[in-house]
């Protein structure tokens, strides 16, 4: 698995874990004004999703139809979560479909605020993952102010859980050797 495949899987996992907490918040907390550029928790999440859509459109060479990075209107939280899950799945599948040559291909596009841009497919995907992580931090800060403690969505946690899931799968299949042992000091080992 290459780094783009790993990172799109990480993004899908982190969004899922994070949004499972958001889904339980009352509507008034989602839309309450917040001193952040996007104005509220739900509008911040909608911005993040909207930019995923914009970059997906650039990758596919089709118009996205958005004229702002901060749409005033937003869907309800359940619709937004469903849309986020679908686009995250798309990015995972898309990353899986690309060859090294395709990852290096340069995509030309127009920024919403104006001006021409050009990035490789790999750079676009890396930006999408990083952009969501950035705004997940904004939302986490808003959650702390609501006395809600967001889950840990760091990359090492995802990688550890991925290794644990692989080991469980292998143990169920056969007597395959695990990736780590109690004496292994590699970065993927952990204390139990």
C-alpha atoms as a PDB file:
ATOM      1  CA  UNK A   1       0.000   0.000   0.000  1.00  0.00           C
ATOM      2  CA  UNK A   2       1.407   3.413  -0.922  1.00  0.00           C
ATOM      3  CA  UNK A   3       1.214   6.533   1.263  1.00  0.00           C
ATOM      4  CA  UNK A   4      -1.768   8.001  -0.621  1.00  0.00           C
ATOM      5  CA  UNK A   5      -3.750   4.809  -0.066  1.00  0.00           C
ATOM      6  CA  UNK A   6      -2.823   4.811   3.623  1.00  0.00           C
ATOM      7  CA  UNK A   7      -3.745   8.471   4.062  1.00  0.00           C
ATOM      8  CA  UNK A   8      -7.131   8.225   2.337  1.00  0.00           C
ATOM      9  CA  UNK A   9      -7.959   5.263   4.593  1.00  0.00           C
ATOM     10  CA  UNK A  10      -6.774   7.281   7.578  1.00  0.00           C
ATOM     11  CA  UNK A  11      -9.007  10.203   6.581  1.00  0.00           C
ATOM     12  CA  UNK A  12     -12.054   7.952   6.193  1.00  0.00           C
ATOM     13  CA  UNK A  13     -11.385   6.346   9.587  1.00  0.00           C
ATOM     14  CA  UNK A  14     -10.760   9.678  11.356  1.00  0.00           C
ATOM     15  CA  UNK A  15     -13.859  11.280   9.840  1.00  0.00           C
ATOM     16  CA  UNK A  16     -15.971   8.288  10.866  1.00  0.00           C
ATOM     17  CA  UNK A  17     -14.685   8.226  14.454  1.00  0.00           C
ATOM     18  CA  UNK A  18     -14.975  12.003  14.803  1.00  0.00           C
ATOM     19  CA  UNK A  19     -18.409  12.337  13.211  1.00  0.00           C
ATOM     20  CA  UNK A  20     -19.811   9.581  15.425  1.00  0.00           C
ATOM     21  CA  UNK A  21     -19.359  12.009  18.339  1.00  0.00           C
ATOM     22  CA  UNK A  22     -20.779  14.957  16.394  1.00  0.00           C
ATOM     23  CA  UNK A  23     -23.887  12.952  15.439  1.00  0.00           C
ATOM     24  CA  UNK A  24     -25.014  12.918  19.068  1.00  0.00           C
ATOM     25  CA  UNK A  25     -24.954  16.684  19.561  1.00  0.00           C
ATOM     26  CA  UNK A  26     -28.204  18.642  19.724  1.00  0.00           C
ATOM     27  CA  UNK A  27     -28.987  20.832  16.729  1.00  0.00           C
ATOM     28  CA  UNK A  28     -28.634  24.061  18.706  1.00  0.00           C
ATOM     29  CA  UNK A  29     -24.991  23.237  19.539  1.00  0.00           C
ATOM     30  CA  UNK A  30     -24.224  22.472  15.907  1.00  0.00           C
ATOM     31  CA  UNK A  31     -25.528  25.816  14.652  1.00  0.00           C
ATOM     32  CA  UNK A  32     -24.588  28.024  17.632  1.00  0.00           C
ATOM     33  CA  UNK A  33     -22.468  31.005  16.546  1.00  0.00           C
ATOM     34  CA  UNK A  34     -18.773  30.465  17.184  1.00  0.00           C
ATOM     35  CA  UNK A  35     -15.881  32.909  16.828  1.00  0.00           C
ATOM     36  CA  UNK A  36     -14.405  31.041  13.909  1.00  0.00           C
ATOM     37  CA  UNK A  37     -14.265  32.050  10.248  1.00  0.00           C
ATOM     38  CA  UNK A  38     -16.985  29.589   9.270  1.00  0.00           C
ATOM     39  CA  UNK A  39     -19.345  30.779  12.011  1.00  0.00           C
ATOM     40  CA  UNK A  40     -20.462  27.495  13.583  1.00  0.00           C
ATOM     41  CA  UNK A  41     -19.541  23.894  14.113  1.00  0.00           C
ATOM     42  CA  UNK A  42     -21.767  22.564  11.335  1.00  0.00           C
ATOM     43  CA  UNK A  43     -20.645  25.200   8.848  1.00  0.00           C
ATOM     44  CA  UNK A  44     -17.020  24.260   9.566  1.00  0.00           C
ATOM     45  CA  UNK A  45     -17.832  20.602   8.863  1.00  0.00           C
ATOM     46  CA  UNK A  46     -19.741  21.628   5.735  1.00  0.00           C
ATOM     47  CA  UNK A  47     -16.751  23.660   4.531  1.00  0.00           C
ATOM     48  CA  UNK A  48     -14.503  20.646   4.961  1.00  0.00           C
ATOM     49  CA  UNK A  49     -16.902  18.410   3.026  1.00  0.00           C
ATOM     50  CA  UNK A  50     -17.445  21.069   0.345  1.00  0.00           C
ATOM     51  CA  UNK A  51     -13.719  21.351  -0.277  1.00  0.00           C
ATOM     52  CA  UNK A  52     -13.465  17.554  -0.537  1.00  0.00           C
ATOM     53  CA  UNK A  53     -16.122  17.871  -3.264  1.00  0.00           C
ATOM     54  CA  UNK A  54     -14.281  20.713  -5.011  1.00  0.00           C
ATOM     55  CA  UNK A  55     -11.029  18.742  -5.151  1.00  0.00           C
ATOM     56  CA  UNK A  56     -12.880  15.611  -6.279  1.00  0.00           C
ATOM     57  CA  UNK A  57     -14.308  17.700  -9.121  1.00  0.00           C
ATOM     58  CA  UNK A  58     -10.830  18.952 -10.049  1.00  0.00           C
ATOM     59  CA  UNK A  59      -9.513  15.374 -10.091  1.00  0.00           C
ATOM     60  CA  UNK A  60     -12.381  14.321 -12.365  1.00  0.00           C
ATOM     61  CA  UNK A  61     -12.068  17.394 -14.598  1.00  0.00           C
ATOM     62  CA  UNK A  62     -15.625  18.571 -14.043  1.00  0.00           C
ATOM     63  CA  UNK A  63     -17.108  21.814 -12.713  1.00  0.00           C
ATOM     64  CA  UNK A  64     -18.047  21.905  -9.042  1.00  0.00           C
ATOM     65  CA  UNK A  65     -20.442  24.858  -9.213  1.00  0.00           C
ATOM     66  CA  UNK A  66     -19.373  26.443  -5.914  1.00  0.00           C
ATOM     67  CA  UNK A  67     -18.630  30.151  -5.757  1.00  0.00           C
ATOM     68  CA  UNK A  68     -17.522  30.329  -2.121  1.00  0.00           C
ATOM     69  CA  UNK A  69     -15.493  28.239   0.297  1.00  0.00           C
ATOM     70  CA  UNK A  70     -17.939  29.126   3.070  1.00  0.00           C
ATOM     71  CA  UNK A  71     -21.483  28.297   1.931  1.00  0.00           C
ATOM     72  CA  UNK A  72     -24.131  29.939   4.139  1.00  0.00           C
ATOM     73  CA  UNK A  73     -26.502  27.018   3.656  1.00  0.00           C
ATOM     74  CA  UNK A  74     -25.686  23.581   4.966  1.00  0.00           C
ATOM     75  CA  UNK A  75     -27.467  20.238   5.120  1.00  0.00           C
ATOM     76  CA  UNK A  76     -28.655  18.655   8.348  1.00  0.00           C
ATOM     77  CA  UNK A  77     -25.996  16.765  10.290  1.00  0.00           C
ATOM     78  CA  UNK A  78     -27.162  13.275   9.269  1.00  0.00           C
ATOM     79  CA  UNK A  79     -27.162  14.223   5.574  1.00  0.00           C
ATOM     80  CA  UNK A  80     -23.743  15.840   5.959  1.00  0.00           C
ATOM     81  CA  UNK A  81     -22.347  12.741   7.689  1.00  0.00           C
ATOM     82  CA  UNK A  82     -23.745  10.515   4.922  1.00  0.00           C
ATOM     83  CA  UNK A  83     -22.209  12.727   2.240  1.00  0.00           C
ATOM     84  CA  UNK A  84     -18.863  12.761   4.060  1.00  0.00           C
ATOM     85  CA  UNK A  85     -18.819   8.960   4.306  1.00  0.00           C
ATOM     86  CA  UNK A  86     -19.602   8.621   0.594  1.00  0.00           C
ATOM     87  CA  UNK A  87     -16.893  11.025  -0.507  1.00  0.00           C
ATOM     88  CA  UNK A  88     -14.352   9.446   1.850  1.00  0.00           C
ATOM     89  CA  UNK A  89     -15.132   6.063   0.269  1.00  0.00           C
ATOM     90  CA  UNK A  90     -14.682   7.640  -3.150  1.00  0.00           C
ATOM     91  CA  UNK A  91     -11.215   8.959  -2.197  1.00  0.00           C
ATOM     92  CA  UNK A  92     -10.154   5.534  -0.873  1.00  0.00           C
ATOM     93  CA  UNK A  93     -11.319   3.844  -4.086  1.00  0.00           C
ATOM     94  CA  UNK A  94      -9.768   6.571  -6.244  1.00  0.00           C
ATOM     95  CA  UNK A  95      -6.384   6.286  -4.496  1.00  0.00           C
ATOM     96  CA  UNK A  96      -6.521   2.515  -5.002  1.00  0.00           C
ATOM     97  CA  UNK A  97      -7.144   2.961  -8.728  1.00  0.00           C
ATOM     98  CA  UNK A  98      -4.165   5.232  -9.487  1.00  0.00           C
ATOM     99  CA  UNK A  99      -0.827   4.088 -10.835  1.00  0.00           C
ATOM    100  CA  UNK A 100       2.403   5.870  -9.902  1.00  0.00           C
ATOM    101  CA  UNK A 101       2.282   7.658 -13.270  1.00  0.00           C
ATOM    102  CA  UNK A 102      -1.291   8.821 -12.665  1.00  0.00           C
ATOM    103  CA  UNK A 103      -0.395  10.101  -9.174  1.00  0.00           C
ATOM    104  CA  UNK A 104       2.301  12.238 -10.810  1.00  0.00           C
ATOM    105  CA  UNK A 105      -0.053  13.696 -13.468  1.00  0.00           C
ATOM    106  CA  UNK A 106      -0.622  17.426 -13.085  1.00  0.00           C
ATOM    107  CA  UNK A 107      -4.210  18.652 -12.845  1.00  0.00           C
ATOM    108  CA  UNK A 108      -4.952  22.255 -13.797  1.00  0.00           C
ATOM    109  CA  UNK A 109      -7.858  24.035 -12.103  1.00  0.00           C
ATOM    110  CA  UNK A 110      -9.284  27.389 -11.093  1.00  0.00           C
ATOM    111  CA  UNK A 111      -9.345  28.397  -7.439  1.00  0.00           C
ATOM    112  CA  UNK A 112     -12.745  29.452  -6.100  1.00  0.00           C
ATOM    113  CA  UNK A 113     -11.282  32.819  -5.104  1.00  0.00           C
ATOM    114  CA  UNK A 114      -9.819  33.251  -8.592  1.00  0.00           C
ATOM    115  CA  UNK A 115      -6.582  32.346 -10.265  1.00  0.00           C
ATOM    116  CA  UNK A 116      -5.197  29.297 -11.958  1.00  0.00           C
ATOM    117  CA  UNK A 117      -3.664  26.394 -10.087  1.00  0.00           C
ATOM    118  CA  UNK A 118      -1.856  23.197 -10.946  1.00  0.00           C
ATOM    119  CA  UNK A 119      -1.012  20.276  -8.672  1.00  0.00           C
ATOM    120  CA  UNK A 120      -0.287  16.606  -9.155  1.00  0.00           C
ATOM    121  CA  UNK A 121      -3.026  14.135  -8.287  1.00  0.00           C
ATOM    122  CA  UNK A 122      -0.917  12.995  -5.351  1.00  0.00           C
ATOM    123  CA  UNK A 123      -0.518  16.564  -4.069  1.00  0.00           C
ATOM    124  CA  UNK A 124      -4.272  17.138  -4.322  1.00  0.00           C
ATOM    125  CA  UNK A 125      -5.045  14.007  -2.318  1.00  0.00           C
ATOM    126  CA  UNK A 126      -2.445  14.899   0.303  1.00  0.00           C
ATOM    127  CA  UNK A 127      -3.969  18.372   0.560  1.00  0.00           C
ATOM    128  CA  UNK A 128      -7.477  16.915   0.999  1.00  0.00           C
ATOM    129  CA  UNK A 129      -6.291  14.734   3.892  1.00  0.00           C
ATOM    130  CA  UNK A 130      -4.342  17.572   5.511  1.00  0.00           C
ATOM    131  CA  UNK A 131      -7.166  20.090   5.048  1.00  0.00           C
ATOM    132  CA  UNK A 132      -9.668  17.874   6.833  1.00  0.00           C
ATOM    133  CA  UNK A 133      -7.215  17.236   9.675  1.00  0.00           C
ATOM    134  CA  UNK A 134      -6.748  20.998  10.058  1.00  0.00           C
ATOM    135  CA  UNK A 135     -10.475  21.652  10.373  1.00  0.00           C
ATOM    136  CA  UNK A 136     -11.039  18.616  12.584  1.00  0.00           C
ATOM    137  CA  UNK A 137      -8.784  20.503  15.011  1.00  0.00           C
ATOM    138  CA  UNK A 138     -11.043  23.564  14.819  1.00  0.00           C
ATOM    139  CA  UNK A 139     -14.102  21.466  15.544  1.00  0.00           C
ATOM    140  CA  UNK A 140     -12.320  19.636  18.383  1.00  0.00           C
ATOM    141  CA  UNK A 141     -11.655  23.003  20.020  1.00  0.00           C
ATOM    142  CA  UNK A 142     -15.344  23.903  19.721  1.00  0.00           C
ATOM    143  CA  UNK A 143     -16.257  20.545  21.273  1.00  0.00           C
ATOM    144  CA  UNK A 144     -14.017  21.159  24.280  1.00  0.00           C
ATOM    145  CA  UNK A 145     -15.917  24.422  24.884  1.00  0.00           C
ATOM    146  CA  UNK A 146     -19.105  22.329  24.966  1.00  0.00           C
ATOM    147  CA  UNK A 147     -17.525  19.918  27.490  1.00  0.00           C
ATOM    148  CA  UNK A 148     -17.483  17.200  24.830  1.00  0.00           C
ATOM    149  CA  UNK A 149     -14.211  15.320  24.497  1.00  0.00           C
ATOM    150  CA  UNK A 150     -13.469  14.372  20.893  1.00  0.00           C
ATOM    151  CA  UNK A 151     -11.905  11.014  20.120  1.00  0.00           C
ATOM    152  CA  UNK A 152      -8.222  10.761  19.321  1.00  0.00           C
ATOM    153  CA  UNK A 153      -7.814  10.701  15.557  1.00  0.00           C
ATOM    154  CA  UNK A 154      -4.043  10.814  15.233  1.00  0.00           C
ATOM    155  CA  UNK A 155      -2.411   8.863  12.413  1.00  0.00           C
ATOM    156  CA  UNK A 156      -0.432   6.592  14.802  1.00  0.00           C
ATOM    157  CA  UNK A 157      -3.703   5.502  16.460  1.00  0.00           C
ATOM    158  CA  UNK A 158      -5.130   4.585  13.054  1.00  0.00           C
ATOM    159  CA  UNK A 159      -1.966   2.712  12.110  1.00  0.00           C
ATOM    160  CA  UNK A 160      -1.944   0.797  15.394  1.00  0.00           C
ATOM    161  CA  UNK A 161      -5.598  -0.151  14.990  1.00  0.00           C
ATOM    162  CA  UNK A 162      -4.938  -1.229  11.400  1.00  0.00           C
ATOM    163  CA  UNK A 163      -2.105  -3.499  12.542  1.00  0.00           C
ATOM    164  CA  UNK A 164      -4.282  -4.904  15.343  1.00  0.00           C
ATOM    165  CA  UNK A 165      -7.122  -5.607  12.891  1.00  0.00           C
ATOM    166  CA  UNK A 166      -4.719  -7.283  10.458  1.00  0.00           C
ATOM    167  CA  UNK A 167      -3.303  -9.452  13.246  1.00  0.00           C
ATOM    168  CA  UNK A 168      -6.786 -10.520  14.375  1.00  0.00           C
ATOM    169  CA  UNK A 169      -7.700 -11.363  10.788  1.00  0.00           C
ATOM    170  CA  UNK A 170      -4.524 -13.402  10.341  1.00  0.00           C
ATOM    171  CA  UNK A 171      -4.988 -15.210  13.659  1.00  0.00           C
ATOM    172  CA  UNK A 172      -8.486 -16.193  12.567  1.00  0.00           C
ATOM    173  CA  UNK A 173      -7.268 -17.509   9.203  1.00  0.00           C
ATOM    174  CA  UNK A 174      -4.289 -19.586  10.248  1.00  0.00           C
ATOM    175  CA  UNK A 175      -1.360 -19.745  12.566  1.00  0.00           C
ATOM    176  CA  UNK A 176       0.395 -16.946  10.685  1.00  0.00           C
ATOM    177  CA  UNK A 177       3.085 -15.080  12.602  1.00  0.00           C
ATOM    178  CA  UNK A 178       1.936 -11.724  14.036  1.00  0.00           C
ATOM    179  CA  UNK A 179       3.501  -8.484  12.848  1.00  0.00           C
ATOM    180  CA  UNK A 180       4.888  -7.735  16.308  1.00  0.00           C
ATOM    181  CA  UNK A 181       5.947  -9.617  19.356  1.00  0.00           C
ATOM    182  CA  UNK A 182       6.501  -8.623  22.950  1.00  0.00           C
ATOM    183  CA  UNK A 183      10.235  -8.295  22.248  1.00  0.00           C
ATOM    184  CA  UNK A 184       9.824  -6.311  19.043  1.00  0.00           C
ATOM    185  CA  UNK A 185      10.883  -2.682  19.430  1.00  0.00           C
ATOM    186  CA  UNK A 186       9.770  -1.515  15.994  1.00  0.00           C
ATOM    187  CA  UNK A 187       7.495   1.539  15.762  1.00  0.00           C
ATOM    188  CA  UNK A 188       4.400  -0.613  15.164  1.00  0.00           C
ATOM    189  CA  UNK A 189       4.736  -2.545  18.422  1.00  0.00           C
ATOM    190  CA  UNK A 190       2.968  -1.354  21.524  1.00  0.00           C
ATOM    191  CA  UNK A 191       2.630  -2.285  25.137  1.00  0.00           C
ATOM    192  CA  UNK A 192      -0.358  -4.420  26.014  1.00  0.00           C
END
